[in-house]
């Protein structure tokens, strides 16, 4: 999450060549409701990056996302395995952890398992206020994700997240990110909700409707968000959408290669 609001940057206020590219992670939350739908959030118009646009939960990778920091409380994927998927020598797990942290910060959804039996975290009514407090403290920088997981005897579940694409913000933007995109099904008994600060609205929509609204300019999406919504419009359920990635290594590799080429041309 980008902390706070800033005055919109004019093209003359910064040197495009001096803008660093920061690693980032984004999660497309999906669910059968009862057809396949995607959780979308609208950014406040006054945010520097993607102001007024509809986005998936996500943000920059932080120092607190490093794999070594979460030793013993991450399950179903090692840093070596995560890095191999992203064709990195190391550090891949940090993208997964950033994705989990940002999803909790921005949407209030925590992708985690109970340590004792590895069942999915389901935030029941009697625990809702407690987890809302955790989220507020995390957003305020007064608590970190590791502490929350330890307090609740949870493990970060990177196994339920599927890495699907990489996009790099093109030259000329006041904020540039090298973003890794993931998909994950929202856990049952967790209700996503925008933070009502940097994010001012949220909605579940079928992918085809996202594309339709974007085509009518009823929703403004960045190119990567629009492109990521397009393949899912041909799927009818979470299972079919995930299977398209898990069961066809060649298709996934082709899509990633296409994304990498397009991000250089279209952003």
C-alpha atoms as a PDB file:
ATOM      1  CA  UNK A   1       0.000   0.000   0.000  1.00  0.00           C
ATOM      2  CA  UNK A   2       1.158   3.547  -0.735  1.00  0.00           C
ATOM      3  CA  UNK A   3       1.048   5.412   2.567  1.00  0.00           C
ATOM      4  CA  UNK A   4      -1.057   8.558   2.639  1.00  0.00           C
ATOM      5  CA  UNK A   5      -2.039  10.926  -0.122  1.00  0.00           C
ATOM      6  CA  UNK A   6       0.126  13.277  -2.113  1.00  0.00           C
ATOM      7  CA  UNK A   7      -0.466  16.153  -4.471  1.00  0.00           C
ATOM      8  CA  UNK A   8      -0.707  14.792  -8.028  1.00  0.00           C
ATOM      9  CA  UNK A   9       2.696  14.919  -9.704  1.00  0.00           C
ATOM     10  CA  UNK A  10       2.970  16.922 -12.908  1.00  0.00           C
ATOM     11  CA  UNK A  11       5.211  15.673 -15.699  1.00  0.00           C
ATOM     12  CA  UNK A  12       7.579  18.600 -15.020  1.00  0.00           C
ATOM     13  CA  UNK A  13       7.929  17.741 -11.310  1.00  0.00           C
ATOM     14  CA  UNK A  14      10.230  14.743 -11.727  1.00  0.00           C
ATOM     15  CA  UNK A  15      12.993  13.314 -13.894  1.00  0.00           C
ATOM     16  CA  UNK A  16      11.646  10.147 -15.602  1.00  0.00           C
ATOM     17  CA  UNK A  17      15.185   8.787 -15.936  1.00  0.00           C
ATOM     18  CA  UNK A  18      15.670   8.997 -12.162  1.00  0.00           C
ATOM     19  CA  UNK A  19      12.543   7.012 -11.223  1.00  0.00           C
ATOM     20  CA  UNK A  20      13.622   3.700  -9.698  1.00  0.00           C
ATOM     21  CA  UNK A  21      11.773   0.488 -10.538  1.00  0.00           C
ATOM     22  CA  UNK A  22      10.497  -1.123  -7.336  1.00  0.00           C
ATOM     23  CA  UNK A  23       9.545  -4.786  -6.996  1.00  0.00           C
ATOM     24  CA  UNK A  24       5.817  -5.256  -6.351  1.00  0.00           C
ATOM     25  CA  UNK A  25       3.165  -7.935  -6.055  1.00  0.00           C
ATOM     26  CA  UNK A  26      -0.515  -7.999  -6.989  1.00  0.00           C
ATOM     27  CA  UNK A  27      -3.236 -10.571  -6.283  1.00  0.00           C
ATOM     28  CA  UNK A  28      -6.302 -11.252  -8.378  1.00  0.00           C
ATOM     29  CA  UNK A  29      -8.797 -12.565  -5.807  1.00  0.00           C
ATOM     30  CA  UNK A  30     -11.335 -14.856  -7.451  1.00  0.00           C
ATOM     31  CA  UNK A  31     -14.367 -16.815  -6.280  1.00  0.00           C
ATOM     32  CA  UNK A  32     -17.402 -18.745  -7.503  1.00  0.00           C
ATOM     33  CA  UNK A  33     -20.392 -16.483  -6.711  1.00  0.00           C
ATOM     34  CA  UNK A  34     -21.815 -18.776  -8.154  1.00  0.00           C
ATOM     35  CA  UNK A  35     -20.081 -18.004 -11.468  1.00  0.00           C
ATOM     36  CA  UNK A  36     -16.439 -16.925 -11.619  1.00  0.00           C
ATOM     37  CA  UNK A  37     -15.985 -13.372 -10.307  1.00  0.00           C
ATOM     38  CA  UNK A  38     -13.022 -11.112  -9.547  1.00  0.00           C
ATOM     39  CA  UNK A  39     -12.655  -8.679  -6.634  1.00  0.00           C
ATOM     40  CA  UNK A  40     -11.917  -5.154  -7.854  1.00  0.00           C
ATOM     41  CA  UNK A  41     -11.125  -2.000  -5.888  1.00  0.00           C
ATOM     42  CA  UNK A  42     -11.108   1.646  -6.939  1.00  0.00           C
ATOM     43  CA  UNK A  43      -8.192   3.850  -5.916  1.00  0.00           C
ATOM     44  CA  UNK A  44      -8.748   7.359  -4.560  1.00  0.00           C
ATOM     45  CA  UNK A  45      -8.388   9.969  -7.304  1.00  0.00           C
ATOM     46  CA  UNK A  46      -5.665  11.809  -5.367  1.00  0.00           C
ATOM     47  CA  UNK A  47      -3.235   8.903  -5.045  1.00  0.00           C
ATOM     48  CA  UNK A  48      -0.045   9.401  -7.037  1.00  0.00           C
ATOM     49  CA  UNK A  49      -0.055   6.010  -8.728  1.00  0.00           C
ATOM     50  CA  UNK A  50      -3.150   4.830 -10.615  1.00  0.00           C
ATOM     51  CA  UNK A  51      -5.388   7.490  -9.072  1.00  0.00           C
ATOM     52  CA  UNK A  52      -9.083   6.838  -9.781  1.00  0.00           C
ATOM     53  CA  UNK A  53      -8.403   3.473 -11.408  1.00  0.00           C
ATOM     54  CA  UNK A  54      -9.812   0.038 -10.599  1.00  0.00           C
ATOM     55  CA  UNK A  55      -7.139  -2.364  -9.396  1.00  0.00           C
ATOM     56  CA  UNK A  56      -6.422  -5.679  -7.698  1.00  0.00           C
ATOM     57  CA  UNK A  57      -4.953  -5.653  -4.161  1.00  0.00           C
ATOM     58  CA  UNK A  58      -1.203  -5.114  -4.287  1.00  0.00           C
ATOM     59  CA  UNK A  59       1.791  -2.901  -3.679  1.00  0.00           C
ATOM     60  CA  UNK A  60       5.550  -2.678  -3.338  1.00  0.00           C
ATOM     61  CA  UNK A  61       7.703  -5.420  -1.829  1.00  0.00           C
ATOM     62  CA  UNK A  62       8.982  -4.265   1.560  1.00  0.00           C
ATOM     63  CA  UNK A  63      12.012  -5.250   3.649  1.00  0.00           C
ATOM     64  CA  UNK A  64       9.651  -7.054   6.041  1.00  0.00           C
ATOM     65  CA  UNK A  65       8.633  -9.411   3.215  1.00  0.00           C
ATOM     66  CA  UNK A  66      12.021 -11.171   2.994  1.00  0.00           C
ATOM     67  CA  UNK A  67      11.823 -14.957   3.290  1.00  0.00           C
ATOM     68  CA  UNK A  68      14.307 -15.158   6.180  1.00  0.00           C
ATOM     69  CA  UNK A  69      12.013 -13.002   8.299  1.00  0.00           C
ATOM     70  CA  UNK A  70       9.247 -15.593   8.034  1.00  0.00           C
ATOM     71  CA  UNK A  71      11.344 -18.673   8.703  1.00  0.00           C
ATOM     72  CA  UNK A  72       9.115 -21.416  10.092  1.00  0.00           C
ATOM     73  CA  UNK A  73       5.785 -19.711   9.429  1.00  0.00           C
ATOM     74  CA  UNK A  74       5.533 -20.078   5.650  1.00  0.00           C
ATOM     75  CA  UNK A  75       4.235 -23.287   4.138  1.00  0.00           C
ATOM     76  CA  UNK A  76       3.884 -25.071   0.782  1.00  0.00           C
ATOM     77  CA  UNK A  77       6.673 -23.244  -1.064  1.00  0.00           C
ATOM     78  CA  UNK A  78      10.310 -22.429  -0.330  1.00  0.00           C
ATOM     79  CA  UNK A  79      12.243 -19.391  -1.514  1.00  0.00           C
ATOM     80  CA  UNK A  80      14.126 -21.612  -3.953  1.00  0.00           C
ATOM     81  CA  UNK A  81      10.872 -22.926  -5.417  1.00  0.00           C
ATOM     82  CA  UNK A  82       9.297 -19.474  -5.619  1.00  0.00           C
ATOM     83  CA  UNK A  83      12.433 -18.036  -7.212  1.00  0.00           C
ATOM     84  CA  UNK A  84      12.564 -20.826  -9.800  1.00  0.00           C
ATOM     85  CA  UNK A  85       8.982 -20.053 -10.861  1.00  0.00           C
ATOM     86  CA  UNK A  86       9.955 -16.424 -11.426  1.00  0.00           C
ATOM     87  CA  UNK A  87      13.323 -17.243 -12.977  1.00  0.00           C
ATOM     88  CA  UNK A  88      15.159 -15.496 -10.143  1.00  0.00           C
ATOM     89  CA  UNK A  89      18.295 -16.683  -8.366  1.00  0.00           C
ATOM     90  CA  UNK A  90      16.717 -15.893  -4.984  1.00  0.00           C
ATOM     91  CA  UNK A  91      14.171 -13.645  -3.287  1.00  0.00           C
ATOM     92  CA  UNK A  92      11.060 -15.002  -5.006  1.00  0.00           C
ATOM     93  CA  UNK A  93       9.258 -15.760  -1.772  1.00  0.00           C
ATOM     94  CA  UNK A  94       9.298 -12.066  -0.845  1.00  0.00           C
ATOM     95  CA  UNK A  95       6.863 -11.400  -3.695  1.00  0.00           C
ATOM     96  CA  UNK A  96       4.447 -13.973  -2.268  1.00  0.00           C
ATOM     97  CA  UNK A  97       4.736 -12.490   1.213  1.00  0.00           C
ATOM     98  CA  UNK A  98       4.235  -8.959  -0.119  1.00  0.00           C
ATOM     99  CA  UNK A  99       1.129 -10.184  -1.944  1.00  0.00           C
ATOM    100  CA  UNK A 100      -0.265 -11.717   1.257  1.00  0.00           C
ATOM    101  CA  UNK A 101       0.525  -8.592   3.295  1.00  0.00           C
ATOM    102  CA  UNK A 102      -0.935  -6.196   0.741  1.00  0.00           C
ATOM    103  CA  UNK A 103      -4.088  -8.278   0.358  1.00  0.00           C
ATOM    104  CA  UNK A 104      -4.660  -8.069   4.097  1.00  0.00           C
ATOM    105  CA  UNK A 105      -3.823  -4.344   4.238  1.00  0.00           C
ATOM    106  CA  UNK A 106      -5.983  -3.318   1.308  1.00  0.00           C
ATOM    107  CA  UNK A 107      -8.779  -5.900   1.227  1.00  0.00           C
ATOM    108  CA  UNK A 108      -8.816  -7.350   4.757  1.00  0.00           C
ATOM    109  CA  UNK A 109      -8.267 -10.893   3.446  1.00  0.00           C
ATOM    110  CA  UNK A 110      -5.531 -12.970   5.094  1.00  0.00           C
ATOM    111  CA  UNK A 111      -4.262 -15.944   3.086  1.00  0.00           C
ATOM    112  CA  UNK A 112      -3.120 -18.179   5.930  1.00  0.00           C
ATOM    113  CA  UNK A 113      -3.497 -21.601   7.547  1.00  0.00           C
ATOM    114  CA  UNK A 114      -3.799 -22.702  11.161  1.00  0.00           C
ATOM    115  CA  UNK A 115      -0.453 -24.162  12.247  1.00  0.00           C
ATOM    116  CA  UNK A 116      -1.918 -27.124  14.141  1.00  0.00           C
ATOM    117  CA  UNK A 117      -3.995 -28.704  11.356  1.00  0.00           C
ATOM    118  CA  UNK A 118      -3.228 -26.582   8.244  1.00  0.00           C
ATOM    119  CA  UNK A 119      -6.889 -25.701   7.740  1.00  0.00           C
ATOM    120  CA  UNK A 120      -7.678 -22.418   5.996  1.00  0.00           C
ATOM    121  CA  UNK A 121      -8.127 -19.385   8.198  1.00  0.00           C
ATOM    122  CA  UNK A 122     -11.810 -18.527   8.460  1.00  0.00           C
ATOM    123  CA  UNK A 123     -12.438 -15.282  10.309  1.00  0.00           C
ATOM    124  CA  UNK A 124     -15.559 -16.009  12.340  1.00  0.00           C
ATOM    125  CA  UNK A 125     -17.836 -13.298  13.739  1.00  0.00           C
ATOM    126  CA  UNK A 126     -16.240 -13.390  17.199  1.00  0.00           C
ATOM    127  CA  UNK A 127     -12.791 -12.794  15.666  1.00  0.00           C
ATOM    128  CA  UNK A 128     -13.776 -10.105  13.156  1.00  0.00           C
ATOM    129  CA  UNK A 129     -13.011  -7.113  15.395  1.00  0.00           C
ATOM    130  CA  UNK A 130      -9.671  -8.595  16.424  1.00  0.00           C
ATOM    131  CA  UNK A 131      -8.516  -9.061  12.834  1.00  0.00           C
ATOM    132  CA  UNK A 132      -9.825  -5.629  11.871  1.00  0.00           C
ATOM    133  CA  UNK A 133      -7.634  -4.211  14.651  1.00  0.00           C
ATOM    134  CA  UNK A 134      -4.660  -6.157  13.277  1.00  0.00           C
ATOM    135  CA  UNK A 135      -5.326  -4.719   9.830  1.00  0.00           C
ATOM    136  CA  UNK A 136      -5.571  -1.153  11.144  1.00  0.00           C
ATOM    137  CA  UNK A 137      -2.332  -1.586  13.092  1.00  0.00           C
ATOM    138  CA  UNK A 138      -0.586  -3.060  10.061  1.00  0.00           C
ATOM    139  CA  UNK A 139      -1.675  -0.158   7.869  1.00  0.00           C
ATOM    140  CA  UNK A 140      -0.513   2.296  10.532  1.00  0.00           C
ATOM    141  CA  UNK A 141       2.926   0.668  10.648  1.00  0.00           C
ATOM    142  CA  UNK A 142       2.467  -0.315  14.307  1.00  0.00           C
ATOM    143  CA  UNK A 143       2.365  -4.062  13.689  1.00  0.00           C
ATOM    144  CA  UNK A 144       3.920  -6.352  11.094  1.00  0.00           C
ATOM    145  CA  UNK A 145       2.522  -9.407   9.349  1.00  0.00           C
ATOM    146  CA  UNK A 146       4.896 -11.807  11.085  1.00  0.00           C
ATOM    147  CA  UNK A 147       3.633 -10.712  14.512  1.00  0.00           C
ATOM    148  CA  UNK A 148       0.006 -11.181  13.437  1.00  0.00           C
ATOM    149  CA  UNK A 149       0.722 -14.695  12.193  1.00  0.00           C
ATOM    150  CA  UNK A 150       2.542 -15.566  15.425  1.00  0.00           C
ATOM    151  CA  UNK A 151      -0.193 -14.144  17.659  1.00  0.00           C
ATOM    152  CA  UNK A 152      -2.826 -16.246  15.897  1.00  0.00           C
ATOM    153  CA  UNK A 153      -0.657 -19.393  15.440  1.00  0.00           C
ATOM    154  CA  UNK A 154      -0.948 -19.119  11.665  1.00  0.00           C
ATOM    155  CA  UNK A 155       1.247 -19.902   8.676  1.00  0.00           C
ATOM    156  CA  UNK A 156       1.348 -17.858   5.482  1.00  0.00           C
ATOM    157  CA  UNK A 157      -0.067 -20.111   2.783  1.00  0.00           C
ATOM    158  CA  UNK A 158       1.803 -19.366  -0.419  1.00  0.00           C
ATOM    159  CA  UNK A 159       0.633 -22.673  -1.884  1.00  0.00           C
ATOM    160  CA  UNK A 160      -2.854 -21.369  -2.636  1.00  0.00           C
ATOM    161  CA  UNK A 161      -1.405 -18.493  -4.669  1.00  0.00           C
ATOM    162  CA  UNK A 162      -0.561 -19.075  -8.324  1.00  0.00           C
ATOM    163  CA  UNK A 163       2.053 -16.917 -10.072  1.00  0.00           C
ATOM    164  CA  UNK A 164       0.789 -15.997 -13.519  1.00  0.00           C
ATOM    165  CA  UNK A 165       2.432 -12.872 -14.963  1.00  0.00           C
ATOM    166  CA  UNK A 166       4.971 -10.070 -14.731  1.00  0.00           C
ATOM    167  CA  UNK A 167       4.495  -6.454 -15.762  1.00  0.00           C
ATOM    168  CA  UNK A 168       6.855  -3.464 -15.560  1.00  0.00           C
ATOM    169  CA  UNK A 169       5.537   0.104 -15.440  1.00  0.00           C
ATOM    170  CA  UNK A 170       6.769   1.872 -18.596  1.00  0.00           C
ATOM    171  CA  UNK A 171       9.218   4.760 -18.604  1.00  0.00           C
ATOM    172  CA  UNK A 172       7.624   8.157 -17.930  1.00  0.00           C
ATOM    173  CA  UNK A 173       5.504   7.297 -14.892  1.00  0.00           C
ATOM    174  CA  UNK A 174       6.232   9.017 -11.542  1.00  0.00           C
ATOM    175  CA  UNK A 175       6.061   5.560  -9.921  1.00  0.00           C
ATOM    176  CA  UNK A 176       7.498   2.463 -11.596  1.00  0.00           C
ATOM    177  CA  UNK A 177       7.054  -1.147 -10.475  1.00  0.00           C
ATOM    178  CA  UNK A 178       8.289  -4.548 -11.548  1.00  0.00           C
ATOM    179  CA  UNK A 179       5.089  -6.334 -10.535  1.00  0.00           C
ATOM    180  CA  UNK A 180       4.439 -10.052 -10.215  1.00  0.00           C
ATOM    181  CA  UNK A 181       0.788 -11.049 -10.573  1.00  0.00           C
ATOM    182  CA  UNK A 182      -0.855 -13.898  -8.664  1.00  0.00           C
ATOM    183  CA  UNK A 183      -4.316 -15.415  -8.513  1.00  0.00           C
ATOM    184  CA  UNK A 184      -5.894 -16.856  -5.364  1.00  0.00           C
ATOM    185  CA  UNK A 185      -9.347 -18.012  -4.371  1.00  0.00           C
ATOM    186  CA  UNK A 186     -10.678 -16.070  -1.423  1.00  0.00           C
ATOM    187  CA  UNK A 187     -11.034 -18.239   1.716  1.00  0.00           C
ATOM    188  CA  UNK A 188     -14.591 -18.926   2.842  1.00  0.00           C
ATOM    189  CA  UNK A 189     -15.825 -16.833   5.780  1.00  0.00           C
ATOM    190  CA  UNK A 190     -13.529 -13.966   4.815  1.00  0.00           C
ATOM    191  CA  UNK A 191     -15.253 -10.907   3.382  1.00  0.00           C
ATOM    192  CA  UNK A 192     -13.054  -8.506   1.408  1.00  0.00           C
ATOM    193  CA  UNK A 193     -13.521  -4.812   2.101  1.00  0.00           C
ATOM    194  CA  UNK A 194     -11.638  -1.787   0.782  1.00  0.00           C
ATOM    195  CA  UNK A 195      -9.903   0.407   3.376  1.00  0.00           C
ATOM    196  CA  UNK A 196     -12.035   3.524   2.678  1.00  0.00           C
ATOM    197  CA  UNK A 197      -8.893   5.612   2.513  1.00  0.00           C
ATOM    198  CA  UNK A 198      -6.655   5.091  -0.511  1.00  0.00           C
ATOM    199  CA  UNK A 199      -9.301   2.693  -1.804  1.00  0.00           C
ATOM    200  CA  UNK A 200     -12.793   4.143  -2.021  1.00  0.00           C
ATOM    201  CA  UNK A 201     -14.935   1.430  -3.579  1.00  0.00           C
ATOM    202  CA  UNK A 202     -14.936  -2.315  -4.242  1.00  0.00           C
ATOM    203  CA  UNK A 203     -17.042  -4.845  -6.084  1.00  0.00           C
ATOM    204  CA  UNK A 204     -17.179  -8.474  -7.252  1.00  0.00           C
ATOM    205  CA  UNK A 205     -17.613  -8.737 -11.024  1.00  0.00           C
ATOM    206  CA  UNK A 206     -17.514 -11.461 -13.675  1.00  0.00           C
ATOM    207  CA  UNK A 207     -14.413 -10.929 -15.868  1.00  0.00           C
ATOM    208  CA  UNK A 208     -16.552 -10.375 -18.959  1.00  0.00           C
ATOM    209  CA  UNK A 209     -18.376  -7.535 -17.203  1.00  0.00           C
ATOM    210  CA  UNK A 210     -15.063  -5.951 -16.196  1.00  0.00           C
ATOM    211  CA  UNK A 211     -14.057  -5.910 -19.859  1.00  0.00           C
ATOM    212  CA  UNK A 212     -17.475  -4.569 -20.879  1.00  0.00           C
ATOM    213  CA  UNK A 213     -17.395  -1.741 -18.339  1.00  0.00           C
ATOM    214  CA  UNK A 214     -13.822  -0.893 -19.289  1.00  0.00           C
ATOM    215  CA  UNK A 215     -14.828  -0.786 -22.956  1.00  0.00           C
ATOM    216  CA  UNK A 216     -17.601   1.689 -22.099  1.00  0.00           C
ATOM    217  CA  UNK A 217     -15.145   3.681 -19.923  1.00  0.00           C
ATOM    218  CA  UNK A 218     -17.348   3.059 -16.886  1.00  0.00           C
ATOM    219  CA  UNK A 219     -14.280   1.582 -15.207  1.00  0.00           C
ATOM    220  CA  UNK A 220     -10.738   2.850 -15.839  1.00  0.00           C
ATOM    221  CA  UNK A 221      -8.126   0.095 -15.684  1.00  0.00           C
ATOM    222  CA  UNK A 222      -4.399   0.075 -16.238  1.00  0.00           C
ATOM    223  CA  UNK A 223      -3.271  -2.057 -19.165  1.00  0.00           C
ATOM    224  CA  UNK A 224      -1.962  -4.955 -16.997  1.00  0.00           C
ATOM    225  CA  UNK A 225      -5.221  -5.134 -15.016  1.00  0.00           C
ATOM    226  CA  UNK A 226      -7.227  -5.179 -18.231  1.00  0.00           C
ATOM    227  CA  UNK A 227      -5.013  -7.825 -19.818  1.00  0.00           C
ATOM    228  CA  UNK A 228      -5.130 -10.013 -16.704  1.00  0.00           C
ATOM    229  CA  UNK A 229      -8.933  -9.893 -16.728  1.00  0.00           C
ATOM    230  CA  UNK A 230      -9.145 -10.988 -20.358  1.00  0.00           C
ATOM    231  CA  UNK A 231      -8.103 -14.691 -20.116  1.00  0.00           C
ATOM    232  CA  UNK A 232     -10.371 -15.236 -17.110  1.00  0.00           C
ATOM    233  CA  UNK A 233     -13.378 -14.081 -19.152  1.00  0.00           C
ATOM    234  CA  UNK A 234     -13.223 -17.439 -20.936  1.00  0.00           C
ATOM    235  CA  UNK A 235     -13.482 -19.435 -17.690  1.00  0.00           C
ATOM    236  CA  UNK A 236     -16.706 -20.323 -15.918  1.00  0.00           C
ATOM    237  CA  UNK A 237     -15.378 -21.269 -12.471  1.00  0.00           C
ATOM    238  CA  UNK A 238     -12.394 -20.975 -10.136  1.00  0.00           C
ATOM    239  CA  UNK A 239     -11.489 -24.581 -10.944  1.00  0.00           C
ATOM    240  CA  UNK A 240     -11.426 -24.031 -14.701  1.00  0.00           C
ATOM    241  CA  UNK A 241      -9.474 -20.782 -14.323  1.00  0.00           C
ATOM    242  CA  UNK A 242      -6.830 -22.315 -12.067  1.00  0.00           C
ATOM    243  CA  UNK A 243      -6.649 -25.465 -14.170  1.00  0.00           C
ATOM    244  CA  UNK A 244      -5.803 -23.393 -17.218  1.00  0.00           C
ATOM    245  CA  UNK A 245      -2.611 -22.337 -15.454  1.00  0.00           C
ATOM    246  CA  UNK A 246      -1.757 -25.478 -13.516  1.00  0.00           C
ATOM    247  CA  UNK A 247      -2.428 -28.056 -16.222  1.00  0.00           C
ATOM    248  CA  UNK A 248      -0.777 -26.352 -19.185  1.00  0.00           C
ATOM    249  CA  UNK A 249       2.817 -25.412 -18.519  1.00  0.00           C
ATOM    250  CA  UNK A 250       3.348 -24.511 -22.163  1.00  0.00           C
ATOM    251  CA  UNK A 251       0.301 -22.201 -22.203  1.00  0.00           C
ATOM    252  CA  UNK A 252       1.428 -20.496 -19.002  1.00  0.00           C
ATOM    253  CA  UNK A 253       4.948 -19.998 -20.360  1.00  0.00           C
ATOM    254  CA  UNK A 254       3.527 -18.541 -23.585  1.00  0.00           C
ATOM    255  CA  UNK A 255       1.267 -16.163 -21.651  1.00  0.00           C
ATOM    256  CA  UNK A 256       4.123 -14.985 -19.429  1.00  0.00           C
ATOM    257  CA  UNK A 257       6.300 -14.391 -22.490  1.00  0.00           C
ATOM    258  CA  UNK A 258       3.469 -12.448 -24.155  1.00  0.00           C
ATOM    259  CA  UNK A 259       2.980 -10.346 -21.014  1.00  0.00           C
ATOM    260  CA  UNK A 260       6.690  -9.560 -20.847  1.00  0.00           C
ATOM    261  CA  UNK A 261       6.697  -8.419 -24.480  1.00  0.00           C
ATOM    262  CA  UNK A 262       3.508  -6.372 -24.142  1.00  0.00           C
ATOM    263  CA  UNK A 263       4.576  -4.620 -20.943  1.00  0.00           C
ATOM    264  CA  UNK A 264       7.500  -3.096 -22.834  1.00  0.00           C
ATOM    265  CA  UNK A 265       5.154  -1.783 -25.509  1.00  0.00           C
ATOM    266  CA  UNK A 266       1.929  -0.912 -23.718  1.00  0.00           C
ATOM    267  CA  UNK A 267       2.777  -0.629 -20.041  1.00  0.00           C
END
